[in-house]
PDB file of all heavy atoms in Angstrom:
ATOM      1  N   PHE A   1     -12.797  15.336   4.287  1.00  0.00           N
ATOM      2  CA  PHE A   1     -13.951  16.326   4.506  1.00  0.00           C
ATOM      3  C   PHE A   1     -14.023  16.851   5.953  1.00  0.00           C
ATOM      4  O   PHE A   1     -14.284  18.064   6.200  1.00  0.00           O
ATOM      5  CB  PHE A   1     -15.254  15.591   4.103  1.00  0.00           C
ATOM      6  CG  PHE A   1     -16.382  15.990   4.835  1.00  0.00           C
ATOM      7  CD1 PHE A   1     -17.096  17.247   4.571  1.00  0.00           C
ATOM      8  CD2 PHE A   1     -17.132  15.309   5.914  1.00  0.00           C
ATOM      9  CE1 PHE A   1     -18.172  17.735   5.102  1.00  0.00           C
ATOM     10  CE2 PHE A   1     -18.046  15.749   6.534  1.00  0.00           C
ATOM     11  CZ  PHE A   1     -18.767  16.979   6.173  1.00  0.00           C
ATOM     12  N   SER A   2     -13.784  15.912   6.936  1.00  0.00           N
ATOM     13  CA  SER A   2     -13.829  16.322   8.398  1.00  0.00           C
ATOM     14  C   SER A   2     -12.786  17.427   8.620  1.00  0.00           C
ATOM     15  O   SER A   2     -13.172  18.439   9.313  1.00  0.00           O
ATOM     16  CB  SER A   2     -13.497  15.111   9.225  1.00  0.00           C
ATOM     17  OG  SER A   2     -14.502  14.070   8.989  1.00  0.00           O
ATOM     18  N   ARG A   3     -11.630  17.403   8.097  1.00  0.00           N
ATOM     19  CA  ARG A   3     -10.669  18.405   8.300  1.00  0.00           C
ATOM     20  C   ARG A   3     -10.981  19.678   7.649  1.00  0.00           C
ATOM     21  O   ARG A   3     -10.921  20.757   8.138  1.00  0.00           O
ATOM     22  CB  ARG A   3      -9.300  17.930   7.813  1.00  0.00           C
ATOM     23  CG  ARG A   3      -8.181  18.920   7.798  1.00  0.00           C
ATOM     24  CD  ARG A   3      -7.966  19.512   9.305  1.00  0.00           C
ATOM     25  NE  ARG A   3      -7.572  18.428  10.196  1.00  0.00           N
ATOM     26  CZ  ARG A   3      -7.594  18.628  11.452  1.00  0.00           C
ATOM     27  NH1 ARG A   3      -8.045  19.797  12.055  1.00  0.00           N
ATOM     28  NH2 ARG A   3      -7.250  17.694  12.251  1.00  0.00           N
ATOM     29  N   GLN A   4     -11.607  19.509   6.412  1.00  0.00           N
ATOM     30  CA  GLN A   4     -11.987  20.722   5.691  1.00  0.00           C
ATOM     31  C   GLN A   4     -13.114  21.533   6.361  1.00  0.00           C
ATOM     32  O   GLN A   4     -13.102  22.710   6.540  1.00  0.00           O
ATOM     33  CB  GLN A   4     -12.408  20.343   4.241  1.00  0.00           C
ATOM     34  CG  GLN A   4     -11.399  19.979   3.358  1.00  0.00           C
ATOM     35  CD  GLN A   4     -11.901  19.467   1.933  1.00  0.00           C
ATOM     36  OE1 GLN A   4     -12.923  18.719   1.867  1.00  0.00           O
ATOM     37  NE2 GLN A   4     -11.158  19.713   0.910  1.00  0.00           N
ATOM     38  N   LEU A   5     -14.053  20.729   6.880  1.00  0.00           N
ATOM     39  CA  LEU A   5     -15.201  21.258   7.548  1.00  0.00           C
ATOM     40  C   LEU A   5     -14.779  21.935   8.884  1.00  0.00           C
ATOM     41  O   LEU A   5     -15.210  23.161   9.272  1.00  0.00           O
ATOM     42  CB  LEU A   5     -16.235  20.287   7.966  1.00  0.00           C
ATOM     43  CG  LEU A   5     -17.643  20.811   8.408  1.00  0.00           C
ATOM     44  CD1 LEU A   5     -18.283  21.779   7.530  1.00  0.00           C
ATOM     45  CD2 LEU A   5     -18.490  19.605   8.759  1.00  0.00           C
ATOM     46  N   ALA A   6     -13.827  21.274   9.615  1.00  0.00           N
ATOM     47  CA  ALA A   6     -13.316  21.797  10.843  1.00  0.00           C
ATOM     48  C   ALA A   6     -12.602  23.032  10.668  1.00  0.00           C
ATOM     49  O   ALA A   6     -12.791  24.061  11.423  1.00  0.00           O
ATOM     50  CB  ALA A   6     -12.349  20.796  11.545  1.00  0.00           C
ATOM     51  N   THR A   7     -11.745  23.211   9.579  1.00  0.00           N
ATOM     52  CA  THR A   7     -10.985  24.395   9.300  1.00  0.00           C
ATOM     53  C   THR A   7     -11.919  25.526   8.957  1.00  0.00           C
ATOM     54  O   THR A   7     -11.757  26.648   9.454  1.00  0.00           O
ATOM     55  CB  THR A   7     -10.036  24.094   8.096  1.00  0.00           C
ATOM     56  OG1 THR A   7      -9.234  23.003   8.471  1.00  0.00           O
ATOM     57  CG2 THR A   7      -9.174  25.304   7.790  1.00  0.00           C
ATOM     58  N   MET A   8     -12.935  25.284   8.090  1.00  0.00           N
ATOM     59  CA  MET A   8     -13.787  26.431   7.707  1.00  0.00           C
ATOM     60  C   MET A   8     -14.663  26.880   8.871  1.00  0.00           C
ATOM     61  O   MET A   8     -14.986  28.001   9.111  1.00  0.00           O
ATOM     62  CB  MET A   8     -14.674  25.904   6.515  1.00  0.00           C
ATOM     63  CG  MET A   8     -13.897  25.857   5.214  1.00  0.00           C
ATOM     64  SD  MET A   8     -15.014  25.605   3.733  1.00  0.00           S
ATOM     65  CE  MET A   8     -15.177  23.890   3.908  1.00  0.00           C
ATOM     66  N   MET A   9     -15.129  25.945   9.697  1.00  0.00           N
ATOM     67  CA  MET A   9     -15.948  26.425  10.898  1.00  0.00           C
ATOM     68  C   MET A   9     -15.142  27.195  11.882  1.00  0.00           C
ATOM     69  O   MET A   9     -15.629  28.184  12.405  1.00  0.00           O
ATOM     70  CB  MET A   9     -16.473  25.047  11.589  1.00  0.00           C
ATOM     71  CG  MET A   9     -17.638  24.349  10.797  1.00  0.00           C
ATOM     72  SD  MET A   9     -19.132  25.186  10.792  1.00  0.00           S
ATOM     73  CE  MET A   9     -19.633  25.113  12.505  1.00  0.00           C
ATOM     74  N   SER A  10     -13.885  26.757  12.087  1.00  0.00           N
ATOM     75  CA  SER A  10     -13.020  27.589  13.008  1.00  0.00           C
ATOM     76  C   SER A  10     -12.744  28.836  12.389  1.00  0.00           C
ATOM     77  O   SER A  10     -12.274  29.799  13.124  1.00  0.00           O
ATOM     78  CB  SER A  10     -11.795  26.790  13.229  1.00  0.00           C
ATOM     79  OG  SER A  10     -11.033  26.510  12.142  1.00  0.00           O
ATOM     80  N   SER A  11     -12.816  29.084  11.109  1.00  0.00           N
ATOM     81  CA  SER A  11     -12.531  30.315  10.470  1.00  0.00           C
ATOM     82  C   SER A  11     -13.747  31.247  10.382  1.00  0.00           C
ATOM     83  O   SER A  11     -13.651  32.353   9.928  1.00  0.00           O
ATOM     84  CB  SER A  11     -12.050  30.017   9.007  1.00  0.00           C
ATOM     85  OG  SER A  11     -10.793  29.386   8.977  1.00  0.00           O
ATOM     86  N   GLY A  12     -14.870  30.787  10.993  1.00  0.00           N
ATOM     87  CA  GLY A  12     -16.083  31.557  11.067  1.00  0.00           C
ATOM     88  C   GLY A  12     -17.007  31.421   9.907  1.00  0.00           C
ATOM     89  O   GLY A  12     -17.962  32.159   9.805  1.00  0.00           O
ATOM     90  N   ILE A  13     -16.877  30.506   9.001  1.00  0.00           N
ATOM     91  CA  ILE A  13     -17.691  30.261   7.771  1.00  0.00           C
ATOM     92  C   ILE A  13     -18.852  29.590   8.281  1.00  0.00           C
ATOM     93  O   ILE A  13     -18.850  28.555   9.012  1.00  0.00           O
ATOM     94  CB  ILE A  13     -17.008  29.478   6.749  1.00  0.00           C
ATOM     95  CG1 ILE A  13     -15.819  30.211   6.181  1.00  0.00           C
ATOM     96  CG2 ILE A  13     -17.926  29.223   5.596  1.00  0.00           C
ATOM     97  CD1 ILE A  13     -14.965  29.499   5.165  1.00  0.00           C
ATOM     98  N   PRO A  14     -20.147  30.087   7.902  1.00  0.00           N
ATOM     99  CA  PRO A  14     -21.387  29.352   8.415  1.00  0.00           C
ATOM    100  C   PRO A  14     -21.423  27.933   7.949  1.00  0.00           C
ATOM    101  O   PRO A  14     -20.911  27.561   6.826  1.00  0.00           O
ATOM    102  CB  PRO A  14     -22.467  30.208   7.731  1.00  0.00           C
ATOM    103  CG  PRO A  14     -21.864  31.559   7.559  1.00  0.00           C
ATOM    104  CD  PRO A  14     -20.385  31.307   7.272  1.00  0.00           C
ATOM    105  N   LEU A  15     -22.091  27.004   8.647  1.00  0.00           N
ATOM    106  CA  LEU A  15     -22.149  25.577   8.358  1.00  0.00           C
ATOM    107  C   LEU A  15     -22.733  25.237   6.929  1.00  0.00           C
ATOM    108  O   LEU A  15     -22.037  24.471   6.207  1.00  0.00           O
ATOM    109  CB  LEU A  15     -23.016  24.849   9.481  1.00  0.00           C
ATOM    110  CG  LEU A  15     -23.078  23.391   9.408  1.00  0.00           C
ATOM    111  CD1 LEU A  15     -21.620  22.771   9.516  1.00  0.00           C
ATOM    112  CD2 LEU A  15     -23.945  22.781  10.461  1.00  0.00           C
ATOM    113  N   VAL A  16     -23.864  25.811   6.661  1.00  0.00           N
ATOM    114  CA  VAL A  16     -24.450  25.524   5.322  1.00  0.00           C
ATOM    115  C   VAL A  16     -23.480  26.073   4.204  1.00  0.00           C
ATOM    116  O   VAL A  16     -23.317  25.291   3.147  1.00  0.00           O
ATOM    117  CB  VAL A  16     -25.806  26.307   5.112  1.00  0.00           C
ATOM    118  CG1 VAL A  16     -26.383  26.032   3.807  1.00  0.00           C
ATOM    119  CG2 VAL A  16     -26.766  25.723   6.103  1.00  0.00           C
ATOM    120  N   GLN A  17     -22.914  27.272   4.347  1.00  0.00           N
ATOM    121  CA  GLN A  17     -21.944  27.728   3.320  1.00  0.00           C
ATOM    122  C   GLN A  17     -20.786  26.782   3.251  1.00  0.00           C
ATOM    123  O   GLN A  17     -20.213  26.623   2.141  1.00  0.00           O
ATOM    124  CB  GLN A  17     -21.549  29.125   3.618  1.00  0.00           C
ATOM    125  CG  GLN A  17     -20.768  29.752   2.544  1.00  0.00           C
ATOM    126  CD  GLN A  17     -20.344  31.226   2.952  1.00  0.00           C
ATOM    127  OE1 GLN A  17     -20.903  31.785   3.926  1.00  0.00           O
ATOM    128  NE2 GLN A  17     -19.416  31.835   2.063  1.00  0.00           N
ATOM    129  N   ALA A  18     -20.240  26.302   4.327  1.00  0.00           N
ATOM    130  CA  ALA A  18     -19.126  25.423   4.410  1.00  0.00           C
ATOM    131  C   ALA A  18     -19.453  24.108   3.520  1.00  0.00           C
ATOM    132  O   ALA A  18     -18.512  23.684   2.799  1.00  0.00           O
ATOM    133  CB  ALA A  18     -18.644  24.959   5.766  1.00  0.00           C
ATOM    134  N   PHE A  19     -20.601  23.565   3.654  1.00  0.00           N
ATOM    135  CA  PHE A  19     -21.024  22.384   2.936  1.00  0.00           C
ATOM    136  C   PHE A  19     -21.127  22.702   1.481  1.00  0.00           C
ATOM    137  O   PHE A  19     -20.696  21.901   0.542  1.00  0.00           O
ATOM    138  CB  PHE A  19     -22.313  21.887   3.442  1.00  0.00           C
ATOM    139  CG  PHE A  19     -22.229  20.765   4.528  1.00  0.00           C
ATOM    140  CD1 PHE A  19     -22.155  21.214   5.811  1.00  0.00           C
ATOM    141  CD2 PHE A  19     -22.053  19.496   4.161  1.00  0.00           C
ATOM    142  CE1 PHE A  19     -21.929  20.202   6.902  1.00  0.00           C
ATOM    143  CE2 PHE A  19     -21.921  18.499   5.184  1.00  0.00           C
ATOM    144  CZ  PHE A  19     -21.845  18.828   6.518  1.00  0.00           C
ATOM    145  N   GLU A  20     -21.621  23.951   1.105  1.00  0.00           N
ATOM    146  CA  GLU A  20     -21.743  24.388  -0.215  1.00  0.00           C
ATOM    147  C   GLU A  20     -20.303  24.403  -0.790  1.00  0.00           C
ATOM    148  O   GLU A  20     -20.126  23.929  -2.113  1.00  0.00           O
ATOM    149  CB  GLU A  20     -22.348  25.790  -0.327  1.00  0.00           C
ATOM    150  CG  GLU A  20     -22.395  26.346  -1.711  1.00  0.00           C
ATOM    151  CD  GLU A  20     -23.276  25.719  -2.665  1.00  0.00           C
ATOM    152  OE1 GLU A  20     -24.277  25.127  -2.241  1.00  0.00           O
ATOM    153  OE2 GLU A  20     -23.002  25.688  -3.887  1.00  0.00           O
ATOM    154  N   ILE A  21     -19.401  25.042  -0.164  1.00  0.00           N
ATOM    155  CA  ILE A  21     -18.005  25.156  -0.651  1.00  0.00           C
ATOM    156  C   ILE A  21     -17.283  23.736  -0.937  1.00  0.00           C
ATOM    157  O   ILE A  21     -16.729  23.495  -1.941  1.00  0.00           O
ATOM    158  CB  ILE A  21     -17.079  26.060   0.212  1.00  0.00           C
ATOM    159  CG1 ILE A  21     -17.721  27.423   0.228  1.00  0.00           C
ATOM    160  CG2 ILE A  21     -15.614  26.035  -0.151  1.00  0.00           C
ATOM    161  CD1 ILE A  21     -17.038  28.332   1.314  1.00  0.00           C
ATOM    162  N   VAL A  22     -17.380  22.917   0.132  1.00  0.00           N
ATOM    163  CA  VAL A  22     -16.718  21.653   0.010  1.00  0.00           C
ATOM    164  C   VAL A  22     -17.444  20.822  -1.015  1.00  0.00           C
ATOM    165  O   VAL A  22     -16.758  20.078  -1.743  1.00  0.00           O
ATOM    166  CB  VAL A  22     -16.744  20.868   1.439  1.00  0.00           C
ATOM    167  CG1 VAL A  22     -16.198  19.546   1.264  1.00  0.00           C
ATOM    168  CG2 VAL A  22     -16.019  21.673   2.452  1.00  0.00           C
ATOM    169  N   GLY A  23     -18.756  20.810  -1.062  1.00  0.00           N
ATOM    170  CA  GLY A  23     -19.473  19.919  -2.016  1.00  0.00           C
ATOM    171  C   GLY A  23     -19.286  20.298  -3.448  1.00  0.00           C
ATOM    172  O   GLY A  23     -19.005  19.474  -4.302  1.00  0.00           O
ATOM    173  N   SER A  24     -19.305  21.605  -3.700  1.00  0.00           N
ATOM    174  CA  SER A  24     -19.206  22.130  -5.055  1.00  0.00           C
ATOM    175  C   SER A  24     -17.810  21.920  -5.620  1.00  0.00           C
ATOM    176  O   SER A  24     -17.584  21.808  -6.860  1.00  0.00           O
ATOM    177  CB  SER A  24     -19.574  23.551  -5.100  1.00  0.00           C
ATOM    178  OG  SER A  24     -18.736  24.413  -4.361  1.00  0.00           O
ATOM    179  N   GLY A  25     -16.743  21.837  -4.733  1.00  0.00           N
ATOM    180  CA  GLY A  25     -15.431  21.775  -5.269  1.00  0.00           C
ATOM    181  C   GLY A  25     -14.943  20.275  -5.247  1.00  0.00           C
ATOM    182  O   GLY A  25     -13.643  20.099  -5.523  1.00  0.00           O
ATOM    183  N   HIS A  26     -15.680  19.325  -4.903  1.00  0.00           N
ATOM    184  CA  HIS A  26     -15.243  17.968  -4.825  1.00  0.00           C
ATOM    185  C   HIS A  26     -15.207  17.298  -6.080  1.00  0.00           C
ATOM    186  O   HIS A  26     -16.124  17.437  -6.915  1.00  0.00           O
ATOM    187  CB  HIS A  26     -16.057  17.144  -3.808  1.00  0.00           C
ATOM    188  CG  HIS A  26     -15.364  16.211  -2.999  1.00  0.00           C
ATOM    189  ND1 HIS A  26     -14.851  15.094  -3.514  1.00  0.00           N
ATOM    190  CD2 HIS A  26     -14.935  16.220  -1.675  1.00  0.00           C
ATOM    191  CE1 HIS A  26     -14.237  14.328  -2.597  1.00  0.00           C
ATOM    192  NE2 HIS A  26     -14.259  15.090  -1.446  1.00  0.00           N
ATOM    193  N   ASP A  27     -14.091  16.612  -6.410  1.00  0.00           N
ATOM    194  CA  ASP A  27     -14.003  15.880  -7.687  1.00  0.00           C
ATOM    195  C   ASP A  27     -14.843  14.657  -7.719  1.00  0.00           C
ATOM    196  O   ASP A  27     -15.292  14.137  -8.811  1.00  0.00           O
ATOM    197  CB  ASP A  27     -12.504  15.516  -7.938  1.00  0.00           C
ATOM    198  CG  ASP A  27     -11.609  16.762  -8.146  1.00  0.00           C
ATOM    199  OD1 ASP A  27     -12.163  17.706  -8.679  1.00  0.00           O
ATOM    200  OD2 ASP A  27     -10.400  16.701  -7.878  1.00  0.00           O
ATOM    201  N   ASN A  28     -14.993  13.955  -6.565  1.00  0.00           N
ATOM    202  CA  ASN A  28     -15.757  12.721  -6.384  1.00  0.00           C
ATOM    203  C   ASN A  28     -17.271  13.095  -6.501  1.00  0.00           C
ATOM    204  O   ASN A  28     -17.768  13.721  -5.629  1.00  0.00           O
ATOM    205  CB  ASN A  28     -15.342  12.004  -5.110  1.00  0.00           C
ATOM    206  CG  ASN A  28     -16.014  10.726  -5.085  1.00  0.00           C
ATOM    207  OD1 ASN A  28     -17.098  10.387  -5.592  1.00  0.00           O
ATOM    208  ND2 ASN A  28     -15.318   9.729  -4.415  1.00  0.00           N
ATOM    209  N   GLN A  29     -17.867  12.715  -7.587  1.00  0.00           N
ATOM    210  CA  GLN A  29     -19.322  13.019  -7.645  1.00  0.00           C
ATOM    211  C   GLN A  29     -20.206  12.415  -6.622  1.00  0.00           C
ATOM    212  O   GLN A  29     -21.206  13.008  -6.171  1.00  0.00           O
ATOM    213  CB  GLN A  29     -19.829  12.628  -9.042  1.00  0.00           C
ATOM    214  CG  GLN A  29     -19.232  13.424 -10.233  1.00  0.00           C
ATOM    215  CD  GLN A  29     -19.746  13.013 -11.609  1.00  0.00           C
ATOM    216  OE1 GLN A  29     -20.763  12.312 -11.696  1.00  0.00           O
ATOM    217  NE2 GLN A  29     -19.196  13.535 -12.640  1.00  0.00           N
ATOM    218  N   ALA A  30     -19.914  11.192  -6.170  1.00  0.00           N
ATOM    219  CA  ALA A  30     -20.658  10.513  -5.074  1.00  0.00           C
ATOM    220  C   ALA A  30     -20.509  11.241  -3.832  1.00  0.00           C
ATOM    221  O   ALA A  30     -21.459  11.585  -3.151  1.00  0.00           O
ATOM    222  CB  ALA A  30     -20.152   9.109  -4.915  1.00  0.00           C
ATOM    223  N   MET A  31     -19.318  11.786  -3.554  1.00  0.00           N
ATOM    224  CA  MET A  31     -19.068  12.638  -2.398  1.00  0.00           C
ATOM    225  C   MET A  31     -19.791  13.891  -2.546  1.00  0.00           C
ATOM    226  O   MET A  31     -20.388  14.436  -1.529  1.00  0.00           O
ATOM    227  CB  MET A  31     -17.530  12.811  -2.135  1.00  0.00           C
ATOM    228  CG  MET A  31     -17.215  13.505  -0.867  1.00  0.00           C
ATOM    229  SD  MET A  31     -17.528  12.431   0.556  1.00  0.00           S
ATOM    230  CE  MET A  31     -17.013  13.509   1.967  1.00  0.00           C
ATOM    231  N   GLN A  32     -19.804  14.397  -3.746  1.00  0.00           N
ATOM    232  CA  GLN A  32     -20.512  15.717  -3.977  1.00  0.00           C
ATOM    233  C   GLN A  32     -22.022  15.598  -3.678  1.00  0.00           C
ATOM    234  O   GLN A  32     -22.556  16.476  -3.103  1.00  0.00           O
ATOM    235  CB  GLN A  32     -20.243  16.056  -5.426  1.00  0.00           C
ATOM    236  CG  GLN A  32     -20.603  17.473  -5.792  1.00  0.00           C
ATOM    237  CD  GLN A  32     -20.234  17.785  -7.193  1.00  0.00           C
ATOM    238  OE1 GLN A  32     -20.959  17.451  -8.196  1.00  0.00           O
ATOM    239  NE2 GLN A  32     -19.133  18.587  -7.520  1.00  0.00           N
ATOM    240  N   ARG A  33     -22.623  14.535  -4.203  1.00  0.00           N
ATOM    241  CA  ARG A  33     -23.943  14.292  -3.969  1.00  0.00           C
ATOM    242  C   ARG A  33     -24.381  14.170  -2.518  1.00  0.00           C
ATOM    243  O   ARG A  33     -25.387  14.583  -1.989  1.00  0.00           O
ATOM    244  CB  ARG A  33     -24.422  13.120  -4.784  1.00  0.00           C
ATOM    245  CG  ARG A  33     -24.521  13.282  -6.297  1.00  0.00           C
ATOM    246  CD  ARG A  33     -25.241  12.212  -6.937  1.00  0.00           C
ATOM    247  NE  ARG A  33     -24.556  10.921  -6.863  1.00  0.00           N
ATOM    248  CZ  ARG A  33     -23.663  10.536  -7.743  1.00  0.00           C
ATOM    249  NH1 ARG A  33     -23.261  11.256  -8.764  1.00  0.00           N
ATOM    250  NH2 ARG A  33     -23.001   9.341  -7.639  1.00  0.00           N
TER     251      ARG A  33
END
């Protein structure tokens, strides 16, 4: 998750949207929540 968030932030994706993308696409439901 840390690497995904760092990559998206460095690409200019807003923080809230980055969490939306990572969270909605995660297979682990606990991590998603």
